[in-house]
Amino acid sequence: MTDTPDYEPMFAALCAELGICLHAKGQPRVVAALPNGLDAAVKAAFAAEGIDILGASGELKRQVRDCLKANLPAG
């Protein structure tokens, strides 16, 4: 048994629902940002995907935030 949360479903949902499919190096950046809040995780996801956070629509930011929140591992 492990104490490490499984973030794979969260990243799978982000990819399937929004087309933001983070690579193996990008995923840890998002996980590392999560303790700083969902907004920090959204910024990390955008940076990992190469999306300009300043140029992204508010709608896309909200969708990514909502997707991360809905699919966070229990714990």
PDB file of N, CA and C in Angstrom:
ATOM      1  N   MET A   1       0.848  -1.183   0.000  1.00  0.00           N
ATOM      2  CA  MET A   1       0.000   0.000   0.000  1.00  0.00           C
ATOM      3  C   MET A   1       0.889   1.241   0.000  1.00  0.00           C
ATOM      4  N   THR A   2       0.445   2.274  -0.671  1.00  0.00           N
ATOM      5  CA  THR A   2       1.254   3.488  -0.791  1.00  0.00           C
ATOM      6  C   THR A   2       0.491   4.697  -0.278  1.00  0.00           C
ATOM      7  N   ASP A   3       1.236   5.675   0.205  1.00  0.00           N
ATOM      8  CA  ASP A   3       0.628   6.910   0.680  1.00  0.00           C
ATOM      9  C   ASP A   3       0.629   7.987  -0.393  1.00  0.00           C
ATOM     10  N   THR A   4       1.228   7.680  -1.546  1.00  0.00           N
ATOM     11  CA  THR A   4       1.312   8.642  -2.635  1.00  0.00           C
ATOM     12  C   THR A   4      -0.008   8.688  -3.391  1.00  0.00           C
ATOM     13  N   PRO A   5      -0.613   9.871  -3.474  1.00  0.00           N
ATOM     14  CA  PRO A   5      -1.880   9.976  -4.220  1.00  0.00           C
ATOM     15  C   PRO A   5      -1.680   9.643  -5.695  1.00  0.00           C
ATOM     16  N   ASP A   6      -2.724   9.095  -6.299  1.00  0.00           N
ATOM     17  CA  ASP A   6      -2.695   8.757  -7.723  1.00  0.00           C
ATOM     18  C   ASP A   6      -3.292   9.926  -8.508  1.00  0.00           C
ATOM     19  N   TYR A   7      -2.425  10.649  -9.187  1.00  0.00           N
ATOM     20  CA  TYR A   7      -2.869  11.809  -9.960  1.00  0.00           C
ATOM     21  C   TYR A   7      -3.190  11.454 -11.409  1.00  0.00           C
ATOM     22  N   GLU A   8      -2.945  10.219 -11.809  1.00  0.00           N
ATOM     23  CA  GLU A   8      -3.149   9.837 -13.212  1.00  0.00           C
ATOM     24  C   GLU A   8      -4.576  10.107 -13.702  1.00  0.00           C
ATOM     25  N   PRO A   9      -5.620   9.779 -12.920  1.00  0.00           N
ATOM     26  CA  PRO A   9      -6.983  10.093 -13.395  1.00  0.00           C
ATOM     27  C   PRO A   9      -7.205  11.592 -13.620  1.00  0.00           C
ATOM     28  N   MET A  10      -6.583  12.427 -12.795  1.00  0.00           N
ATOM     29  CA  MET A  10      -6.721  13.869 -12.949  1.00  0.00           C
ATOM     30  C   MET A  10      -6.100  14.321 -14.279  1.00  0.00           C
ATOM     31  N   PHE A  11      -4.901  13.797 -14.577  1.00  0.00           N
ATOM     32  CA  PHE A  11      -4.240  14.168 -15.829  1.00  0.00           C
ATOM     33  C   PHE A  11      -4.956  13.562 -17.033  1.00  0.00           C
ATOM     34  N   ALA A  12      -5.511  12.374 -16.870  1.00  0.00           N
ATOM     35  CA  ALA A  12      -6.277  11.754 -17.959  1.00  0.00           C
ATOM     36  C   ALA A  12      -7.519  12.582 -18.277  1.00  0.00           C
ATOM     37  N   ALA A  13      -8.189  13.076 -17.245  1.00  0.00           N
ATOM     38  CA  ALA A  13      -9.380  13.909 -17.449  1.00  0.00           C
ATOM     39  C   ALA A  13      -9.003  15.223 -18.119  1.00  0.00           C
ATOM     40  N   LEU A  14      -7.904  15.821 -17.691  1.00  0.00           N
ATOM     41  CA  LEU A  14      -7.449  17.071 -18.286  1.00  0.00           C
ATOM     42  C   LEU A  14      -7.184  16.889 -19.779  1.00  0.00           C
ATOM     43  N   CYS A  15      -6.611  15.754 -20.130  1.00  0.00           N
ATOM     44  CA  CYS A  15      -6.312  15.459 -21.527  1.00  0.00           C
ATOM     45  C   CYS A  15      -7.597  15.177 -22.316  1.00  0.00           C
ATOM     46  N   ALA A  16      -8.446  14.310 -21.777  1.00  0.00           N
ATOM     47  CA  ALA A  16      -9.651  13.895 -22.494  1.00  0.00           C
ATOM     48  C   ALA A  16     -10.671  15.026 -22.620  1.00  0.00           C
ATOM     49  N   GLU A  17     -10.828  15.807 -21.551  1.00  0.00           N
ATOM     50  CA  GLU A  17     -11.868  16.831 -21.541  1.00  0.00           C
ATOM     51  C   GLU A  17     -11.439  18.138 -22.206  1.00  0.00           C
ATOM     52  N   LEU A  18     -10.153  18.494 -22.057  1.00  0.00           N
ATOM     53  CA  LEU A  18      -9.721  19.813 -22.525  1.00  0.00           C
ATOM     54  C   LEU A  18      -8.587  19.773 -23.536  1.00  0.00           C
ATOM     55  N   GLY A  19      -8.063  18.584 -23.808  1.00  0.00           N
ATOM     56  CA  GLY A  19      -6.982  18.469 -24.780  1.00  0.00           C
ATOM     57  C   GLY A  19      -5.638  18.946 -24.250  1.00  0.00           C
ATOM     58  N   ILE A  20      -5.521  19.099 -22.936  1.00  0.00           N
ATOM     59  CA  ILE A  20      -4.252  19.487 -22.322  1.00  0.00           C
ATOM     60  C   ILE A  20      -3.611  18.217 -21.789  1.00  0.00           C
ATOM     61  N   CYS A  21      -2.759  17.627 -22.611  1.00  0.00           N
ATOM     62  CA  CYS A  21      -2.162  16.323 -22.328  1.00  0.00           C
ATOM     63  C   CYS A  21      -0.711  16.538 -21.910  1.00  0.00           C
ATOM     64  N   LEU A  22      -0.499  16.582 -20.611  1.00  0.00           N
ATOM     65  CA  LEU A  22       0.820  16.891 -20.081  1.00  0.00           C
ATOM     66  C   LEU A  22       1.745  15.695 -20.166  1.00  0.00           C
ATOM     67  N   HIS A  23       2.991  15.967 -20.519  1.00  0.00           N
ATOM     68  CA  HIS A  23       4.000  14.924 -20.614  1.00  0.00           C
ATOM     69  C   HIS A  23       4.527  14.579 -19.222  1.00  0.00           C
ATOM     70  N   ALA A  24       5.380  13.566 -19.147  1.00  0.00           N
ATOM     71  CA  ALA A  24       5.896  13.073 -17.868  1.00  0.00           C
ATOM     72  C   ALA A  24       6.650  14.144 -17.078  1.00  0.00           C
ATOM     73  N   LYS A  25       7.273  15.095 -17.766  1.00  0.00           N
ATOM     74  CA  LYS A  25       7.989  16.158 -17.058  1.00  0.00           C
ATOM     75  C   LYS A  25       7.046  17.260 -16.586  1.00  0.00           C
ATOM     76  N   GLY A  26       5.934  17.436 -17.274  1.00  0.00           N
ATOM     77  CA  GLY A  26       4.989  18.487 -16.913  1.00  0.00           C
ATOM     78  C   GLY A  26       4.105  18.128 -15.742  1.00  0.00           C
ATOM     79  N   GLN A  27       3.746  16.870 -15.633  1.00  0.00           N
ATOM     80  CA  GLN A  27       2.851  16.442 -14.558  1.00  0.00           C
ATOM     81  C   GLN A  27       3.399  16.738 -13.164  1.00  0.00           C
ATOM     82  N   PRO A  28       4.687  16.436 -12.885  1.00  0.00           N
ATOM     83  CA  PRO A  28       5.208  16.747 -11.543  1.00  0.00           C
ATOM     84  C   PRO A  28       5.183  18.245 -11.215  1.00  0.00           C
ATOM     85  N   ARG A  29       5.272  19.082 -12.226  1.00  0.00           N
ATOM     86  CA  ARG A  29       5.193  20.532 -11.993  1.00  0.00           C
ATOM     87  C   ARG A  29       3.818  20.908 -11.452  1.00  0.00           C
ATOM     88  N   VAL A  30       2.792  20.299 -12.001  1.00  0.00           N
ATOM     89  CA  VAL A  30       1.425  20.568 -11.539  1.00  0.00           C
ATOM     90  C   VAL A  30       1.235  20.019 -10.126  1.00  0.00           C
ATOM     91  N   VAL A  31       1.699  18.798  -9.889  1.00  0.00           N
ATOM     92  CA  VAL A  31       1.570  18.185  -8.566  1.00  0.00           C
ATOM     93  C   VAL A  31       2.300  19.031  -7.521  1.00  0.00           C
ATOM     94  N   ALA A  32       3.489  19.509  -7.869  1.00  0.00           N
ATOM     95  CA  ALA A  32       4.259  20.336  -6.937  1.00  0.00           C
ATOM     96  C   ALA A  32       3.560  21.664  -6.640  1.00  0.00           C
ATOM     97  N   ALA A  33       2.783  22.156  -7.590  1.00  0.00           N
ATOM     98  CA  ALA A  33       2.087  23.437  -7.414  1.00  0.00           C
ATOM     99  C   ALA A  33       0.791  23.295  -6.620  1.00  0.00           C
ATOM    100  N   LEU A  34       0.229  22.108  -6.551  1.00  0.00           N
ATOM    101  CA  LEU A  34      -1.067  21.917  -5.890  1.00  0.00           C
ATOM    102  C   LEU A  34      -1.112  22.399  -4.437  1.00  0.00           C
ATOM    103  N   PRO A  35      -0.071  22.186  -3.633  1.00  0.00           N
ATOM    104  CA  PRO A  35      -0.144  22.698  -2.257  1.00  0.00           C
ATOM    105  C   PRO A  35      -0.299  24.215  -2.175  1.00  0.00           C
ATOM    106  N   ASN A  36       0.050  24.911  -3.257  1.00  0.00           N
ATOM    107  CA  ASN A  36      -0.094  26.365  -3.301  1.00  0.00           C
ATOM    108  C   ASN A  36      -1.458  26.799  -3.817  1.00  0.00           C
ATOM    109  N   GLY A  37      -2.324  25.841  -4.113  1.00  0.00           N
ATOM    110  CA  GLY A  37      -3.682  26.150  -4.546  1.00  0.00           C
ATOM    111  C   GLY A  37      -3.939  25.782  -5.999  1.00  0.00           C
ATOM    112  N   LEU A  38      -5.203  25.762  -6.354  1.00  0.00           N
ATOM    113  CA  LEU A  38      -5.598  25.382  -7.709  1.00  0.00           C
ATOM    114  C   LEU A  38      -5.138  26.393  -8.753  1.00  0.00           C
ATOM    115  N   ASP A  39      -5.118  27.669  -8.391  1.00  0.00           N
ATOM    116  CA  ASP A  39      -4.667  28.675  -9.358  1.00  0.00           C
ATOM    117  C   ASP A  39      -3.194  28.456  -9.712  1.00  0.00           C
ATOM    118  N   ALA A  40      -2.380  28.083  -8.723  1.00  0.00           N
ATOM    119  CA  ALA A  40      -0.968  27.787  -8.977  1.00  0.00           C
ATOM    120  C   ALA A  40      -0.837  26.548  -9.858  1.00  0.00           C
ATOM    121  N   ALA A  41      -1.699  25.565  -9.631  1.00  0.00           N
ATOM    122  CA  ALA A  41      -1.674  24.350 -10.448  1.00  0.00           C
ATOM    123  C   ALA A  41      -2.082  24.648 -11.885  1.00  0.00           C
ATOM    124  N   VAL A  42      -3.049  25.542 -12.070  1.00  0.00           N
ATOM    125  CA  VAL A  42      -3.459  25.945 -13.419  1.00  0.00           C
ATOM    126  C   VAL A  42      -2.287  26.614 -14.127  1.00  0.00           C
ATOM    127  N   LYS A  43      -1.600  27.513 -13.437  1.00  0.00           N
ATOM    128  CA  LYS A  43      -0.438  28.189 -14.027  1.00  0.00           C
ATOM    129  C   LYS A  43       0.632  27.173 -14.419  1.00  0.00           C
ATOM    130  N   ALA A  44       0.870  26.189 -13.550  1.00  0.00           N
ATOM    131  CA  ALA A  44       1.874  25.158 -13.835  1.00  0.00           C
ATOM    132  C   ALA A  44       1.457  24.313 -15.033  1.00  0.00           C
ATOM    133  N   ALA A  45       0.170  23.990 -15.131  1.00  0.00           N
ATOM    134  CA  ALA A  45      -0.323  23.199 -16.259  1.00  0.00           C
ATOM    135  C   ALA A  45      -0.154  23.976 -17.570  1.00  0.00           C
ATOM    136  N   PHE A  46      -0.484  25.253 -17.541  1.00  0.00           N
ATOM    137  CA  PHE A  46      -0.331  26.073 -18.740  1.00  0.00           C
ATOM    138  C   PHE A  46       1.144  26.171 -19.137  1.00  0.00           C
ATOM    139  N   ALA A  47       2.013  26.384 -18.165  1.00  0.00           N
ATOM    140  CA  ALA A  47       3.444  26.485 -18.451  1.00  0.00           C
ATOM    141  C   ALA A  47       3.973  25.174 -19.026  1.00  0.00           C
ATOM    142  N   ALA A  48       3.544  24.054 -18.467  1.00  0.00           N
ATOM    143  CA  ALA A  48       4.003  22.750 -18.942  1.00  0.00           C
ATOM    144  C   ALA A  48       3.520  22.468 -20.358  1.00  0.00           C
ATOM    145  N   GLU A  49       2.358  22.989 -20.694  1.00  0.00           N
ATOM    146  CA  GLU A  49       1.780  22.761 -22.018  1.00  0.00           C
ATOM    147  C   GLU A  49       2.228  23.827 -23.026  1.00  0.00           C
ATOM    148  N   GLY A  50       2.909  24.864 -22.528  1.00  0.00           N
ATOM    149  CA  GLY A  50       3.375  25.926 -23.419  1.00  0.00           C
ATOM    150  C   GLY A  50       2.289  26.922 -23.776  1.00  0.00           C
ATOM    151  N   ILE A  51       1.280  27.031 -22.935  1.00  0.00           N
ATOM    152  CA  ILE A  51       0.182  27.972 -23.162  1.00  0.00           C
ATOM    153  C   ILE A  51       0.489  29.270 -22.415  1.00  0.00           C
ATOM    154  N   ASP A  52       0.371  30.384 -23.104  1.00  0.00           N
ATOM    155  CA  ASP A  52       0.586  31.694 -22.484  1.00  0.00           C
ATOM    156  C   ASP A  52      -0.591  31.994 -21.561  1.00  0.00           C
ATOM    157  N   ILE A  53      -0.333  32.004 -20.263  1.00  0.00           N
ATOM    158  CA  ILE A  53      -1.398  32.218 -19.287  1.00  0.00           C
ATOM    159  C   ILE A  53      -2.043  33.594 -19.457  1.00  0.00           C
ATOM    160  N   LEU A  54      -1.256  34.581 -19.852  1.00  0.00           N
ATOM    161  CA  LEU A  54      -1.799  35.931 -20.022  1.00  0.00           C
ATOM    162  C   LEU A  54      -2.682  36.035 -21.258  1.00  0.00           C
ATOM    163  N   GLY A  55      -2.398  35.223 -22.260  1.00  0.00           N
ATOM    164  CA  GLY A  55      -3.181  35.257 -23.492  1.00  0.00           C
ATOM    165  C   GLY A  55      -4.347  34.279 -23.506  1.00  0.00           C
ATOM    166  N   ALA A  56      -4.396  33.400 -22.513  1.00  0.00           N
ATOM    167  CA  ALA A  56      -5.463  32.398 -22.458  1.00  0.00           C
ATOM    168  C   ALA A  56      -6.767  33.042 -22.003  1.00  0.00           C
ATOM    169  N   SER A  57      -7.855  32.509 -22.501  1.00  0.00           N
ATOM    170  CA  SER A  57      -9.160  33.051 -22.122  1.00  0.00           C
ATOM    171  C   SER A  57      -9.484  32.696 -20.672  1.00  0.00           C
ATOM    172  N   GLY A  58     -10.271  33.537 -20.064  1.00  0.00           N
ATOM    173  CA  GLY A  58     -10.742  33.265 -18.708  1.00  0.00           C
ATOM    174  C   GLY A  58     -11.533  31.976 -18.654  1.00  0.00           C
ATOM    175  N   GLU A  59     -12.243  31.682 -19.725  1.00  0.00           N
ATOM    176  CA  GLU A  59     -13.036  30.458 -19.799  1.00  0.00           C
ATOM    177  C   GLU A  59     -12.139  29.223 -19.741  1.00  0.00           C
ATOM    178  N   LEU A  60     -11.032  29.233 -20.485  1.00  0.00           N
ATOM    179  CA  LEU A  60     -10.118  28.096 -20.476  1.00  0.00           C
ATOM    180  C   LEU A  60      -9.480  27.931 -19.093  1.00  0.00           C
ATOM    181  N   LYS A  61      -9.098  29.024 -18.486  1.00  0.00           N
ATOM    182  CA  LYS A  61      -8.520  28.955 -17.135  1.00  0.00           C
ATOM    183  C   LYS A  61      -9.524  28.326 -16.169  1.00  0.00           C
ATOM    184  N   ARG A  62     -10.771  28.759 -16.256  1.00  0.00           N
ATOM    185  CA  ARG A  62     -11.809  28.222 -15.374  1.00  0.00           C
ATOM    186  C   ARG A  62     -12.031  26.743 -15.629  1.00  0.00           C
ATOM    187  N   GLN A  63     -12.057  26.359 -16.911  1.00  0.00           N
ATOM    188  CA  GLN A  63     -12.265  24.953 -17.250  1.00  0.00           C
ATOM    189  C   GLN A  63     -11.144  24.073 -16.710  1.00  0.00           C
ATOM    190  N   VAL A  64      -9.904  24.529 -16.830  1.00  0.00           N
ATOM    191  CA  VAL A  64      -8.769  23.758 -16.319  1.00  0.00           C
ATOM    192  C   VAL A  64      -8.857  23.659 -14.803  1.00  0.00           C
ATOM    193  N   ARG A  65      -9.156  24.772 -14.150  1.00  0.00           N
ATOM    194  CA  ARG A  65      -9.274  24.782 -12.686  1.00  0.00           C
ATOM    195  C   ARG A  65     -10.385  23.833 -12.232  1.00  0.00           C
ATOM    196  N   ASP A  66     -11.531  23.909 -12.875  1.00  0.00           N
ATOM    197  CA  ASP A  66     -12.654  23.047 -12.514  1.00  0.00           C
ATOM    198  C   ASP A  66     -12.328  21.573 -12.741  1.00  0.00           C
ATOM    199  N   CYS A  67     -11.621  21.279 -13.831  1.00  0.00           N
ATOM    200  CA  CYS A  67     -11.253  19.902 -14.131  1.00  0.00           C
ATOM    201  C   CYS A  67     -10.280  19.351 -13.096  1.00  0.00           C
ATOM    202  N   LEU A  68      -9.280  20.155 -12.753  1.00  0.00           N
ATOM    203  CA  LEU A  68      -8.329  19.727 -11.715  1.00  0.00           C
ATOM    204  C   LEU A  68      -9.055  19.489 -10.397  1.00  0.00           C
ATOM    205  N   LYS A  69      -9.915  20.413 -10.018  1.00  0.00           N
ATOM    206  CA  LYS A  69     -10.638  20.311  -8.754  1.00  0.00           C
ATOM    207  C   LYS A  69     -11.534  19.083  -8.709  1.00  0.00           C
ATOM    208  N   ALA A  70     -12.231  18.823  -9.787  1.00  0.00           N
ATOM    209  CA  ALA A  70     -13.166  17.695  -9.841  1.00  0.00           C
ATOM    210  C   ALA A  70     -12.451  16.345  -9.826  1.00  0.00           C
ATOM    211  N   ASN A  71     -11.193  16.347 -10.223  1.00  0.00           N
ATOM    212  CA  ASN A  71     -10.476  15.068 -10.359  1.00  0.00           C
ATOM    213  C   ASN A  71      -9.298  14.914  -9.410  1.00  0.00           C
ATOM    214  N   LEU A  72      -9.228  15.769  -8.398  1.00  0.00           N
ATOM    215  CA  LEU A  72      -8.168  15.621  -7.408  1.00  0.00           C
ATOM    216  C   LEU A  72      -8.302  14.275  -6.702  1.00  0.00           C
ATOM    217  N   PRO A  73      -7.174  13.634  -6.395  1.00  0.00           N
ATOM    218  CA  PRO A  73      -7.260  12.391  -5.641  1.00  0.00           C
ATOM    219  C   PRO A  73      -7.826  12.638  -4.249  1.00  0.00           C
ATOM    220  N   ALA A  74      -8.590  11.690  -3.761  1.00  0.00           N
ATOM    221  CA  ALA A  74      -9.138  11.795  -2.409  1.00  0.00           C
ATOM    222  C   ALA A  74      -7.993  11.710  -1.409  1.00  0.00           C
ATOM    223  N   GLY A  75      -8.107  12.478  -0.357  1.00  0.00           N
ATOM    224  CA  GLY A  75      -7.062  12.375   0.654  1.00  0.00           C
ATOM    225  C   GLY A  75      -6.821  13.573   1.400  1.00  0.00           C
TER     226      GLY A  75
END
